[in-house]
N, C-alpha and C. Protein backbone atom coordinates (compact mmCIF):
# COMPACT_ATOMS: atom_id res chain seq x y z
N UNK A 1 159.63 -6.30 -34.98
CA UNK A 1 159.46 -5.36 -36.07
C UNK A 1 158.82 -6.10 -37.23
N UNK A 2 157.87 -5.48 -37.92
CA UNK A 2 157.15 -6.18 -38.98
C UNK A 2 158.05 -6.40 -40.19
N UNK A 3 157.67 -7.44 -40.96
CA UNK A 3 158.45 -7.77 -42.15
C UNK A 3 158.38 -6.68 -43.20
N UNK A 4 157.24 -5.93 -43.24
CA UNK A 4 157.11 -4.84 -44.20
C UNK A 4 158.15 -3.75 -43.94
N UNK A 5 158.35 -3.42 -42.67
CA UNK A 5 159.33 -2.39 -42.31
C UNK A 5 160.74 -2.87 -42.64
N UNK A 6 161.01 -4.14 -42.32
CA UNK A 6 162.34 -4.70 -42.61
C UNK A 6 162.60 -4.69 -44.10
N UNK A 7 161.63 -5.13 -44.91
CA UNK A 7 161.84 -5.17 -46.36
C UNK A 7 161.93 -3.75 -46.93
N UNK A 8 161.17 -2.80 -46.36
CA UNK A 8 161.26 -1.40 -46.79
C UNK A 8 162.66 -0.85 -46.51
N UNK A 9 163.20 -1.17 -45.33
CA UNK A 9 164.55 -0.74 -44.99
C UNK A 9 165.57 -1.34 -45.95
N UNK A 10 165.41 -2.61 -46.25
CA UNK A 10 166.37 -3.27 -47.16
C UNK A 10 166.32 -2.65 -48.56
N UNK A 11 165.13 -2.28 -49.02
CA UNK A 11 165.00 -1.62 -50.32
C UNK A 11 165.72 -0.28 -50.30
N UNK A 12 165.53 0.49 -49.23
CA UNK A 12 166.19 1.79 -49.11
C UNK A 12 167.71 1.63 -49.05
N UNK A 13 168.18 0.65 -48.29
CA UNK A 13 169.62 0.39 -48.19
C UNK A 13 170.17 0.01 -49.56
N UNK A 14 169.46 -0.86 -50.27
CA UNK A 14 169.89 -1.29 -51.60
C UNK A 14 169.96 -0.09 -52.55
N UNK A 15 168.95 0.77 -52.51
CA UNK A 15 168.96 1.96 -53.37
C UNK A 15 170.15 2.86 -53.06
N UNK A 16 170.45 3.03 -51.78
CA UNK A 16 171.57 3.89 -51.40
C UNK A 16 172.90 3.26 -51.82
N UNK A 17 173.09 1.99 -51.50
CA UNK A 17 174.37 1.33 -51.74
C UNK A 17 174.62 1.10 -53.23
N UNK A 18 173.63 0.58 -53.94
CA UNK A 18 173.84 0.19 -55.34
C UNK A 18 173.58 1.30 -56.34
N UNK A 19 172.73 2.26 -55.99
CA UNK A 19 172.40 3.33 -56.94
C UNK A 19 172.86 4.70 -56.46
N UNK A 20 173.55 4.73 -55.31
CA UNK A 20 174.01 5.98 -54.71
C UNK A 20 172.86 6.99 -54.58
N UNK A 21 171.69 6.48 -54.18
CA UNK A 21 170.48 7.29 -54.03
C UNK A 21 170.49 7.95 -52.65
N UNK A 22 170.87 9.23 -52.62
CA UNK A 22 170.95 9.96 -51.35
C UNK A 22 169.57 10.13 -50.70
N UNK A 23 168.53 10.20 -51.53
CA UNK A 23 167.17 10.32 -50.98
C UNK A 23 166.81 9.10 -50.15
N UNK A 24 167.27 7.94 -50.57
CA UNK A 24 166.98 6.71 -49.82
C UNK A 24 167.61 6.79 -48.43
N UNK A 25 168.84 7.28 -48.37
CA UNK A 25 169.48 7.43 -47.06
C UNK A 25 168.75 8.48 -46.22
N UNK A 26 168.35 9.58 -46.84
CA UNK A 26 167.62 10.62 -46.12
C UNK A 26 166.32 10.09 -45.53
N UNK A 27 165.65 9.19 -46.24
CA UNK A 27 164.42 8.58 -45.72
C UNK A 27 164.73 7.76 -44.48
N UNK A 28 165.83 6.99 -44.52
CA UNK A 28 166.22 6.22 -43.33
C UNK A 28 166.51 7.14 -42.15
N UNK A 29 167.18 8.25 -42.41
CA UNK A 29 167.49 9.20 -41.33
C UNK A 29 166.20 9.76 -40.74
N UNK A 30 165.28 10.19 -41.60
CA UNK A 30 164.01 10.74 -41.11
C UNK A 30 163.23 9.69 -40.32
N UNK A 31 163.27 8.47 -40.79
CA UNK A 31 162.50 7.40 -40.16
C UNK A 31 163.03 7.06 -38.77
N UNK A 32 164.35 7.08 -38.60
CA UNK A 32 164.96 6.59 -37.37
C UNK A 32 165.59 7.67 -36.48
N UNK A 33 165.59 8.92 -36.89
CA UNK A 33 166.28 9.94 -36.09
C UNK A 33 165.66 10.13 -34.71
N UNK A 34 164.34 10.06 -34.62
CA UNK A 34 163.69 10.19 -33.32
C UNK A 34 164.06 9.06 -32.38
N UNK A 35 164.09 7.85 -32.91
CA UNK A 35 164.47 6.69 -32.09
C UNK A 35 165.93 6.78 -31.66
N UNK A 36 166.77 7.24 -32.58
CA UNK A 36 168.19 7.38 -32.25
C UNK A 36 168.38 8.35 -31.09
N UNK A 37 167.68 9.47 -31.16
CA UNK A 37 167.77 10.47 -30.10
C UNK A 37 167.26 9.90 -28.78
N UNK A 38 166.13 9.21 -28.81
CA UNK A 38 165.55 8.66 -27.58
C UNK A 38 166.50 7.69 -26.89
N UNK A 39 167.13 6.83 -27.66
CA UNK A 39 168.06 5.87 -27.07
C UNK A 39 169.27 6.60 -26.49
N UNK A 40 169.82 7.52 -27.25
CA UNK A 40 170.99 8.27 -26.76
C UNK A 40 170.63 9.06 -25.51
N UNK A 41 169.47 9.68 -25.51
CA UNK A 41 169.04 10.45 -24.34
C UNK A 41 168.83 9.53 -23.14
N UNK A 42 168.29 8.36 -23.38
CA UNK A 42 168.08 7.41 -22.29
C UNK A 42 169.38 6.99 -21.63
N UNK A 43 170.43 6.86 -22.42
CA UNK A 43 171.73 6.47 -21.87
C UNK A 43 172.43 7.66 -21.22
N UNK A 44 172.34 8.83 -21.87
CA UNK A 44 173.12 9.99 -21.42
C UNK A 44 172.37 10.94 -20.49
N UNK A 45 171.06 11.07 -20.67
CA UNK A 45 170.28 11.97 -19.84
C UNK A 45 170.55 13.44 -20.09
N UNK A 46 171.10 13.76 -21.25
CA UNK A 46 171.44 15.15 -21.58
C UNK A 46 171.05 15.40 -23.03
N UNK A 47 170.25 16.44 -23.25
CA UNK A 47 169.72 16.72 -24.58
C UNK A 47 170.81 16.98 -25.62
N UNK A 48 171.76 17.84 -25.28
CA UNK A 48 172.80 18.20 -26.24
C UNK A 48 173.67 16.99 -26.59
N UNK A 49 174.06 16.23 -25.58
CA UNK A 49 174.88 15.04 -25.84
C UNK A 49 174.11 14.02 -26.67
N UNK A 50 172.82 13.86 -26.39
CA UNK A 50 172.00 12.91 -27.14
C UNK A 50 171.89 13.33 -28.61
N UNK A 51 171.71 14.62 -28.85
CA UNK A 51 171.65 15.12 -30.22
C UNK A 51 172.97 14.87 -30.94
N UNK A 52 174.07 15.12 -30.24
CA UNK A 52 175.40 14.91 -30.82
C UNK A 52 175.62 13.44 -31.16
N UNK A 53 175.27 12.56 -30.24
CA UNK A 53 175.46 11.12 -30.46
C UNK A 53 174.58 10.64 -31.62
N UNK A 54 173.33 11.10 -31.67
CA UNK A 54 172.44 10.68 -32.76
C UNK A 54 173.00 11.14 -34.11
N UNK A 55 173.50 12.36 -34.15
CA UNK A 55 174.08 12.88 -35.39
C UNK A 55 175.33 12.08 -35.77
N UNK A 56 176.20 11.84 -34.81
CA UNK A 56 177.41 11.06 -35.07
C UNK A 56 177.07 9.65 -35.54
N UNK A 57 176.00 9.09 -34.98
CA UNK A 57 175.59 7.74 -35.37
C UNK A 57 175.22 7.71 -36.85
N UNK A 58 174.49 8.71 -37.32
CA UNK A 58 174.10 8.71 -38.73
C UNK A 58 175.28 8.98 -39.65
N UNK A 59 176.26 9.72 -39.18
CA UNK A 59 177.49 9.90 -39.97
C UNK A 59 178.19 8.55 -40.11
N UNK A 60 178.29 7.82 -39.01
CA UNK A 60 178.92 6.49 -39.06
C UNK A 60 178.13 5.54 -39.94
N UNK A 61 176.81 5.58 -39.81
CA UNK A 61 175.96 4.71 -40.62
C UNK A 61 176.14 5.04 -42.10
N UNK A 62 176.19 6.32 -42.43
CA UNK A 62 176.38 6.77 -43.81
C UNK A 62 177.66 6.16 -44.40
N UNK A 63 178.72 6.20 -43.60
CA UNK A 63 180.00 5.68 -44.08
C UNK A 63 180.04 4.16 -44.12
N UNK A 64 179.35 3.51 -43.18
CA UNK A 64 179.45 2.05 -43.05
C UNK A 64 178.35 1.29 -43.78
N UNK A 65 177.32 1.97 -44.23
CA UNK A 65 176.18 1.27 -44.83
C UNK A 65 176.56 0.38 -46.02
N UNK A 66 177.52 0.78 -46.86
CA UNK A 66 177.91 -0.12 -47.94
C UNK A 66 178.48 -1.46 -47.44
N UNK A 67 178.97 -1.49 -46.21
CA UNK A 67 179.53 -2.73 -45.64
C UNK A 67 178.49 -3.50 -44.83
N UNK A 68 177.28 -2.96 -44.68
CA UNK A 68 176.22 -3.62 -43.92
C UNK A 68 175.85 -4.92 -44.62
N UNK A 69 176.03 -6.04 -43.91
CA UNK A 69 175.80 -7.37 -44.49
C UNK A 69 174.35 -7.82 -44.40
N UNK A 70 173.60 -7.23 -43.52
CA UNK A 70 172.20 -7.62 -43.38
C UNK A 70 172.00 -8.85 -42.51
N UNK A 71 173.01 -9.20 -41.70
CA UNK A 71 172.87 -10.34 -40.78
C UNK A 71 171.79 -10.07 -39.74
N UNK A 72 171.56 -8.80 -39.44
CA UNK A 72 170.51 -8.40 -38.50
C UNK A 72 169.68 -7.33 -39.19
N UNK A 73 168.59 -6.92 -38.55
CA UNK A 73 167.78 -5.84 -39.09
C UNK A 73 168.59 -4.55 -39.03
N UNK A 74 168.27 -3.63 -39.94
CA UNK A 74 168.95 -2.34 -39.94
C UNK A 74 168.79 -1.65 -38.59
N UNK A 75 167.58 -1.68 -38.04
CA UNK A 75 167.33 -0.97 -36.77
C UNK A 75 168.18 -1.54 -35.64
N UNK A 76 168.36 -2.86 -35.61
CA UNK A 76 169.19 -3.48 -34.58
C UNK A 76 170.64 -3.04 -34.72
N UNK A 77 171.12 -3.03 -35.95
CA UNK A 77 172.49 -2.58 -36.23
C UNK A 77 172.65 -1.12 -35.82
N UNK A 78 171.67 -0.29 -36.16
CA UNK A 78 171.72 1.13 -35.82
C UNK A 78 171.71 1.32 -34.30
N UNK A 79 170.83 0.58 -33.59
CA UNK A 79 170.77 0.69 -32.13
C UNK A 79 172.12 0.36 -31.50
N UNK A 80 172.78 -0.64 -32.04
CA UNK A 80 174.08 -1.04 -31.49
C UNK A 80 175.10 0.10 -31.67
N UNK A 81 175.09 0.73 -32.82
CA UNK A 81 175.99 1.86 -33.06
C UNK A 81 175.70 2.99 -32.07
N UNK A 82 174.42 3.30 -31.88
CA UNK A 82 174.03 4.39 -30.98
C UNK A 82 174.43 4.07 -29.55
N UNK A 83 174.14 2.85 -29.12
CA UNK A 83 174.49 2.44 -27.75
C UNK A 83 176.00 2.57 -27.54
N UNK A 84 176.79 2.10 -28.50
CA UNK A 84 178.25 2.17 -28.36
C UNK A 84 178.74 3.62 -28.32
N UNK A 85 178.21 4.46 -29.19
CA UNK A 85 178.61 5.87 -29.17
C UNK A 85 178.18 6.55 -27.88
N UNK A 86 176.98 6.24 -27.41
CA UNK A 86 176.49 6.84 -26.15
C UNK A 86 177.35 6.38 -24.97
N UNK A 87 177.73 5.11 -24.96
CA UNK A 87 178.62 4.61 -23.90
C UNK A 87 179.94 5.37 -23.91
N UNK A 88 180.50 5.53 -25.10
CA UNK A 88 181.77 6.25 -25.22
C UNK A 88 181.62 7.70 -24.75
N UNK A 89 180.54 8.35 -25.13
CA UNK A 89 180.30 9.73 -24.72
C UNK A 89 180.12 9.81 -23.21
N UNK A 90 179.40 8.85 -22.64
CA UNK A 90 179.18 8.82 -21.18
C UNK A 90 180.52 8.68 -20.45
N UNK A 91 181.37 7.77 -20.93
CA UNK A 91 182.70 7.59 -20.32
C UNK A 91 183.52 8.87 -20.46
N UNK A 92 183.49 9.47 -21.64
CA UNK A 92 184.25 10.70 -21.88
C UNK A 92 183.78 11.80 -20.93
N UNK A 93 182.48 11.96 -20.79
CA UNK A 93 181.94 12.98 -19.88
C UNK A 93 182.37 12.73 -18.44
N UNK A 94 182.37 11.47 -18.05
CA UNK A 94 182.75 11.13 -16.68
C UNK A 94 184.22 11.43 -16.44
N UNK A 95 185.06 11.12 -17.41
CA UNK A 95 186.50 11.33 -17.27
C UNK A 95 186.83 12.82 -17.19
N UNK A 96 186.20 13.60 -18.02
CA UNK A 96 186.52 15.03 -18.03
C UNK A 96 185.64 15.85 -17.10
N UNK A 97 184.71 15.21 -16.39
CA UNK A 97 183.90 15.91 -15.40
C UNK A 97 182.87 16.84 -16.00
N UNK A 98 182.30 16.46 -17.14
CA UNK A 98 181.30 17.31 -17.80
C UNK A 98 180.10 17.52 -16.90
N UNK A 99 179.55 18.69 -16.97
CA UNK A 99 178.34 19.00 -16.22
C UNK A 99 178.57 19.45 -14.80
N UNK A 100 179.83 19.47 -14.35
CA UNK A 100 180.10 19.86 -12.97
C UNK A 100 180.38 21.34 -12.84
N UNK A 101 180.80 21.97 -13.92
CA UNK A 101 181.13 23.39 -13.88
C UNK A 101 180.16 24.17 -14.76
N UNK A 102 179.81 25.35 -14.31
CA UNK A 102 178.97 26.21 -15.12
C UNK A 102 179.28 27.65 -14.78
N UNK A 103 178.89 28.53 -15.67
CA UNK A 103 179.14 29.96 -15.47
C UNK A 103 177.86 30.64 -15.02
N UNK A 104 177.96 31.47 -13.99
CA UNK A 104 176.78 32.22 -13.57
C UNK A 104 176.47 33.35 -14.54
N UNK A 105 177.42 33.64 -15.45
CA UNK A 105 177.21 34.68 -16.44
C UNK A 105 176.62 34.14 -17.74
N UNK A 106 176.48 32.82 -17.84
CA UNK A 106 175.95 32.21 -19.05
C UNK A 106 174.49 32.60 -19.23
N UNK A 107 174.06 32.85 -20.48
CA UNK A 107 172.66 33.22 -20.70
C UNK A 107 171.74 32.05 -20.36
N UNK A 108 170.53 32.37 -19.95
CA UNK A 108 169.54 31.35 -19.62
C UNK A 108 168.95 30.84 -20.92
N UNK A 109 168.89 29.53 -21.05
CA UNK A 109 168.34 28.91 -22.25
C UNK A 109 166.90 28.51 -21.98
N UNK A 110 165.98 29.07 -22.74
CA UNK A 110 164.58 28.73 -22.59
C UNK A 110 164.16 27.66 -23.59
N UNK A 111 165.12 27.11 -24.32
CA UNK A 111 164.83 26.07 -25.29
C UNK A 111 164.57 26.60 -26.69
N UNK A 112 164.40 27.92 -26.83
CA UNK A 112 164.14 28.50 -28.14
C UNK A 112 165.39 29.14 -28.73
N UNK A 113 166.41 29.30 -27.92
CA UNK A 113 167.66 29.87 -28.41
C UNK A 113 167.65 31.38 -28.58
N UNK A 114 166.64 32.07 -28.05
CA UNK A 114 166.60 33.52 -28.20
C UNK A 114 167.17 34.26 -26.99
N UNK A 115 167.58 33.53 -25.94
CA UNK A 115 168.21 34.13 -24.78
C UNK A 115 167.28 34.84 -23.83
N UNK A 116 165.98 34.82 -24.10
CA UNK A 116 165.03 35.50 -23.23
C UNK A 116 164.55 34.57 -22.13
N UNK A 117 164.34 35.13 -20.97
CA UNK A 117 163.78 34.38 -19.85
C UNK A 117 162.27 34.40 -20.00
N UNK A 118 161.66 33.23 -20.07
CA UNK A 118 160.21 33.15 -20.25
C UNK A 118 159.62 32.22 -19.21
N UNK A 119 158.33 32.33 -19.05
CA UNK A 119 157.61 31.45 -18.14
C UNK A 119 156.70 30.57 -18.98
N UNK A 120 156.82 29.26 -18.84
CA UNK A 120 155.93 28.34 -19.52
C UNK A 120 154.75 28.06 -18.62
N UNK A 121 153.55 28.30 -19.12
CA UNK A 121 152.35 28.05 -18.34
C UNK A 121 151.99 26.57 -18.40
N UNK A 122 151.54 26.01 -17.30
CA UNK A 122 151.18 24.59 -17.30
C UNK A 122 149.93 24.33 -18.12
N UNK A 123 149.79 23.10 -18.54
CA UNK A 123 148.63 22.64 -19.27
C UNK A 123 147.39 22.86 -18.41
N UNK A 124 146.35 23.42 -19.01
CA UNK A 124 145.12 23.70 -18.26
C UNK A 124 144.41 22.43 -17.84
N UNK A 125 144.76 21.29 -18.42
CA UNK A 125 144.09 20.03 -18.10
C UNK A 125 144.52 19.43 -16.78
N UNK A 126 145.63 19.86 -16.22
CA UNK A 126 146.12 19.29 -14.97
C UNK A 126 146.13 20.36 -13.89
N UNK A 127 145.76 19.94 -12.70
CA UNK A 127 145.80 20.85 -11.56
C UNK A 127 147.26 21.02 -11.12
N UNK A 128 147.58 22.14 -10.48
CA UNK A 128 148.96 22.38 -10.04
C UNK A 128 149.53 21.26 -9.16
N UNK A 129 148.70 20.69 -8.28
CA UNK A 129 149.22 19.62 -7.43
C UNK A 129 149.52 18.36 -8.24
N UNK A 130 148.72 18.11 -9.30
CA UNK A 130 148.99 16.97 -10.17
C UNK A 130 150.28 17.18 -10.95
N UNK A 131 150.47 18.40 -11.41
CA UNK A 131 151.69 18.72 -12.15
C UNK A 131 152.90 18.55 -11.24
N UNK A 132 152.77 19.02 -10.02
CA UNK A 132 153.86 18.89 -9.06
C UNK A 132 154.20 17.43 -8.79
N UNK A 133 153.16 16.61 -8.57
CA UNK A 133 153.38 15.18 -8.33
C UNK A 133 154.00 14.51 -9.55
N UNK A 134 153.48 14.86 -10.73
CA UNK A 134 154.00 14.29 -11.96
C UNK A 134 155.48 14.65 -12.15
N UNK A 135 155.80 15.92 -11.96
CA UNK A 135 157.19 16.37 -12.12
C UNK A 135 158.11 15.72 -11.09
N UNK A 136 157.60 15.56 -9.87
CA UNK A 136 158.39 14.92 -8.83
C UNK A 136 158.66 13.46 -9.18
N UNK A 137 157.63 12.75 -9.64
CA UNK A 137 157.80 11.35 -10.03
C UNK A 137 158.75 11.24 -11.23
N UNK A 138 158.59 12.15 -12.19
CA UNK A 138 159.45 12.14 -13.36
C UNK A 138 160.91 12.35 -12.96
N UNK A 139 161.16 13.29 -12.07
CA UNK A 139 162.52 13.57 -11.62
C UNK A 139 163.09 12.39 -10.83
N UNK A 140 162.27 11.81 -9.95
CA UNK A 140 162.74 10.65 -9.17
C UNK A 140 163.04 9.47 -10.09
N UNK A 141 162.19 9.28 -11.10
CA UNK A 141 162.42 8.19 -12.06
C UNK A 141 163.71 8.43 -12.82
N UNK A 142 163.93 9.67 -13.24
CA UNK A 142 165.17 10.02 -13.96
C UNK A 142 166.39 9.76 -13.08
N UNK A 143 166.30 10.14 -11.80
CA UNK A 143 167.41 9.91 -10.87
C UNK A 143 167.61 8.41 -10.63
N UNK A 144 166.51 7.67 -10.52
CA UNK A 144 166.61 6.22 -10.31
C UNK A 144 167.26 5.56 -11.53
N UNK A 145 166.89 6.01 -12.73
CA UNK A 145 167.50 5.47 -13.95
C UNK A 145 168.99 5.79 -14.00
N UNK A 146 169.35 7.00 -13.58
CA UNK A 146 170.75 7.42 -13.61
C UNK A 146 171.60 6.60 -12.64
N UNK A 147 170.99 6.11 -11.56
CA UNK A 147 171.72 5.31 -10.58
C UNK A 147 171.96 3.87 -11.04
N UNK A 148 171.21 3.44 -12.04
CA UNK A 148 171.35 2.06 -12.51
C UNK A 148 172.72 1.85 -13.13
N UNK A 149 173.27 0.65 -12.99
CA UNK A 149 174.47 0.33 -13.76
C UNK A 149 174.15 0.47 -15.25
N UNK A 150 175.14 0.85 -16.02
CA UNK A 150 174.95 1.11 -17.44
C UNK A 150 174.27 -0.05 -18.16
N UNK A 151 174.68 -1.28 -17.86
CA UNK A 151 174.12 -2.44 -18.55
C UNK A 151 172.63 -2.60 -18.25
N UNK A 152 172.21 -2.33 -17.02
CA UNK A 152 170.79 -2.42 -16.66
C UNK A 152 170.01 -1.31 -17.36
N UNK A 153 170.56 -0.09 -17.31
CA UNK A 153 169.87 1.08 -17.87
C UNK A 153 169.62 0.88 -19.37
N UNK A 154 170.64 0.42 -20.08
CA UNK A 154 170.49 0.22 -21.52
C UNK A 154 169.41 -0.81 -21.82
N UNK A 155 169.42 -1.92 -21.10
CA UNK A 155 168.42 -2.97 -21.33
C UNK A 155 167.02 -2.47 -21.01
N UNK A 156 166.86 -1.76 -19.91
CA UNK A 156 165.54 -1.24 -19.52
C UNK A 156 165.04 -0.25 -20.56
N UNK A 157 165.89 0.63 -21.05
CA UNK A 157 165.49 1.62 -22.05
C UNK A 157 165.06 0.94 -23.34
N UNK A 158 165.86 -0.01 -23.80
CA UNK A 158 165.53 -0.68 -25.06
C UNK A 158 164.22 -1.46 -24.95
N UNK A 159 163.93 -2.01 -23.78
CA UNK A 159 162.69 -2.77 -23.59
C UNK A 159 161.50 -1.84 -23.34
N UNK A 160 161.63 -0.94 -22.39
CA UNK A 160 160.50 -0.13 -21.94
C UNK A 160 160.21 1.04 -22.88
N UNK A 161 161.25 1.75 -23.28
CA UNK A 161 161.04 2.93 -24.12
C UNK A 161 160.91 2.55 -25.59
N UNK A 162 161.79 1.69 -26.07
CA UNK A 162 161.80 1.34 -27.49
C UNK A 162 160.91 0.15 -27.82
N UNK A 163 160.56 -0.66 -26.82
CA UNK A 163 159.67 -1.79 -27.06
C UNK A 163 160.30 -2.94 -27.83
N UNK A 164 161.63 -3.05 -27.76
CA UNK A 164 162.29 -4.15 -28.46
C UNK A 164 162.03 -5.47 -27.74
N UNK A 165 162.08 -6.55 -28.50
CA UNK A 165 161.94 -7.88 -27.91
C UNK A 165 163.24 -8.22 -27.18
N UNK A 166 163.16 -9.24 -26.32
CA UNK A 166 164.36 -9.68 -25.61
C UNK A 166 165.44 -10.11 -26.59
N UNK A 167 165.03 -10.78 -27.66
CA UNK A 167 165.99 -11.25 -28.66
C UNK A 167 166.68 -10.08 -29.36
N UNK A 168 165.90 -9.04 -29.69
CA UNK A 168 166.49 -7.87 -30.35
C UNK A 168 167.45 -7.15 -29.41
N UNK A 169 167.08 -7.05 -28.15
CA UNK A 169 167.96 -6.39 -27.17
C UNK A 169 169.25 -7.18 -27.02
N UNK A 170 169.14 -8.51 -26.97
CA UNK A 170 170.33 -9.36 -26.86
C UNK A 170 171.26 -9.12 -28.03
N UNK A 171 170.69 -8.98 -29.21
CA UNK A 171 171.51 -8.75 -30.40
C UNK A 171 172.17 -7.37 -30.35
N UNK A 172 171.41 -6.35 -29.94
CA UNK A 172 171.95 -4.99 -29.85
C UNK A 172 173.08 -4.91 -28.83
N UNK A 173 172.87 -5.53 -27.66
CA UNK A 173 173.85 -5.43 -26.58
C UNK A 173 174.93 -6.50 -26.66
N UNK A 174 174.76 -7.47 -27.54
CA UNK A 174 175.78 -8.51 -27.70
C UNK A 174 175.85 -9.46 -26.53
N UNK A 175 174.69 -9.87 -26.02
CA UNK A 175 174.67 -10.81 -24.90
C UNK A 175 173.54 -11.80 -25.11
N UNK A 176 173.36 -12.73 -24.17
CA UNK A 176 172.33 -13.75 -24.28
C UNK A 176 170.98 -13.22 -23.82
N UNK A 177 169.91 -13.86 -24.29
CA UNK A 177 168.55 -13.45 -23.94
C UNK A 177 168.34 -13.54 -22.43
N UNK A 178 168.85 -14.58 -21.80
CA UNK A 178 168.72 -14.72 -20.35
C UNK A 178 169.38 -13.58 -19.61
N UNK A 179 170.51 -13.14 -20.12
CA UNK A 179 171.21 -12.00 -19.51
C UNK A 179 170.37 -10.74 -19.62
N UNK A 180 169.74 -10.55 -20.78
CA UNK A 180 168.87 -9.38 -21.00
C UNK A 180 167.72 -9.40 -20.00
N UNK A 181 167.06 -10.55 -19.87
CA UNK A 181 165.93 -10.66 -18.94
C UNK A 181 166.37 -10.36 -17.51
N UNK A 182 167.53 -10.87 -17.15
CA UNK A 182 168.06 -10.64 -15.81
C UNK A 182 168.35 -9.16 -15.58
N UNK A 183 168.99 -8.52 -16.56
CA UNK A 183 169.32 -7.09 -16.43
C UNK A 183 168.06 -6.24 -16.30
N UNK A 184 167.05 -6.57 -17.09
CA UNK A 184 165.80 -5.81 -17.04
C UNK A 184 165.11 -6.01 -15.69
N UNK A 185 165.03 -7.25 -15.24
CA UNK A 185 164.39 -7.52 -13.95
C UNK A 185 165.12 -6.82 -12.81
N UNK A 186 166.44 -6.92 -12.81
CA UNK A 186 167.22 -6.28 -11.75
C UNK A 186 167.14 -4.75 -11.84
N UNK A 187 167.16 -4.24 -13.07
CA UNK A 187 167.04 -2.80 -13.26
C UNK A 187 165.70 -2.28 -12.76
N UNK A 188 164.62 -2.98 -13.11
CA UNK A 188 163.29 -2.57 -12.64
C UNK A 188 163.19 -2.65 -11.12
N UNK A 189 163.79 -3.69 -10.55
CA UNK A 189 163.76 -3.84 -9.10
C UNK A 189 164.51 -2.68 -8.43
N UNK A 190 165.66 -2.32 -8.97
CA UNK A 190 166.42 -1.19 -8.41
C UNK A 190 165.64 0.12 -8.53
N UNK A 191 164.95 0.29 -9.65
CA UNK A 191 164.13 1.50 -9.82
C UNK A 191 163.02 1.53 -8.77
N UNK A 192 162.33 0.40 -8.60
CA UNK A 192 161.27 0.33 -7.58
C UNK A 192 161.82 0.64 -6.20
N UNK A 193 162.98 0.08 -5.87
CA UNK A 193 163.58 0.35 -4.56
C UNK A 193 163.94 1.82 -4.39
N UNK A 194 164.47 2.43 -5.45
CA UNK A 194 164.83 3.85 -5.38
C UNK A 194 163.61 4.76 -5.31
N UNK A 195 162.48 4.29 -5.86
CA UNK A 195 161.25 5.08 -5.83
C UNK A 195 160.39 4.74 -4.62
N UNK A 196 160.81 3.77 -3.84
CA UNK A 196 160.05 3.31 -2.67
C UNK A 196 158.64 2.86 -3.05
N UNK A 197 158.55 2.09 -4.13
CA UNK A 197 157.25 1.59 -4.59
C UNK A 197 157.01 0.20 -4.01
């Protein structure tokens, strides 16, 4: 992460903590909310749970920011909070069996919240067979990621999706750089094996 971004974050944190500037915190939320959601979704694989975890993360950050010592970058600290909350949510879902039961009377969600059943037309730039292959690969990749052990999945997401360095991932996950490299290599190998590549 560039030094300009780090110093900008520190200025915003200082404004929030020392001047109680709510706008400074709102800027941090706007800046990082997309990343927070992506990480949570990568761990959980569920849109609603990812949104909930991202929101909970910013509530925790709001409360804990005055205690932030700055030993690491703000983004690294935030990623660690998100990963921990997502892990807890994943465990909670597994224990209570979330996602296994559904009602056939439940309204169909088209993503707009209006309850209407709609048909989304494919992009005119891709042929139907390309769309089918793309969707199949996307689904297989999602399934392969879901099969990974949690520690591998988190490391692969932080490296591949978020583009963090090995050192940043080690700090977020609380392990050594060599462990991160090993988890990523093993995770990628398992994905390749599951995709028959």
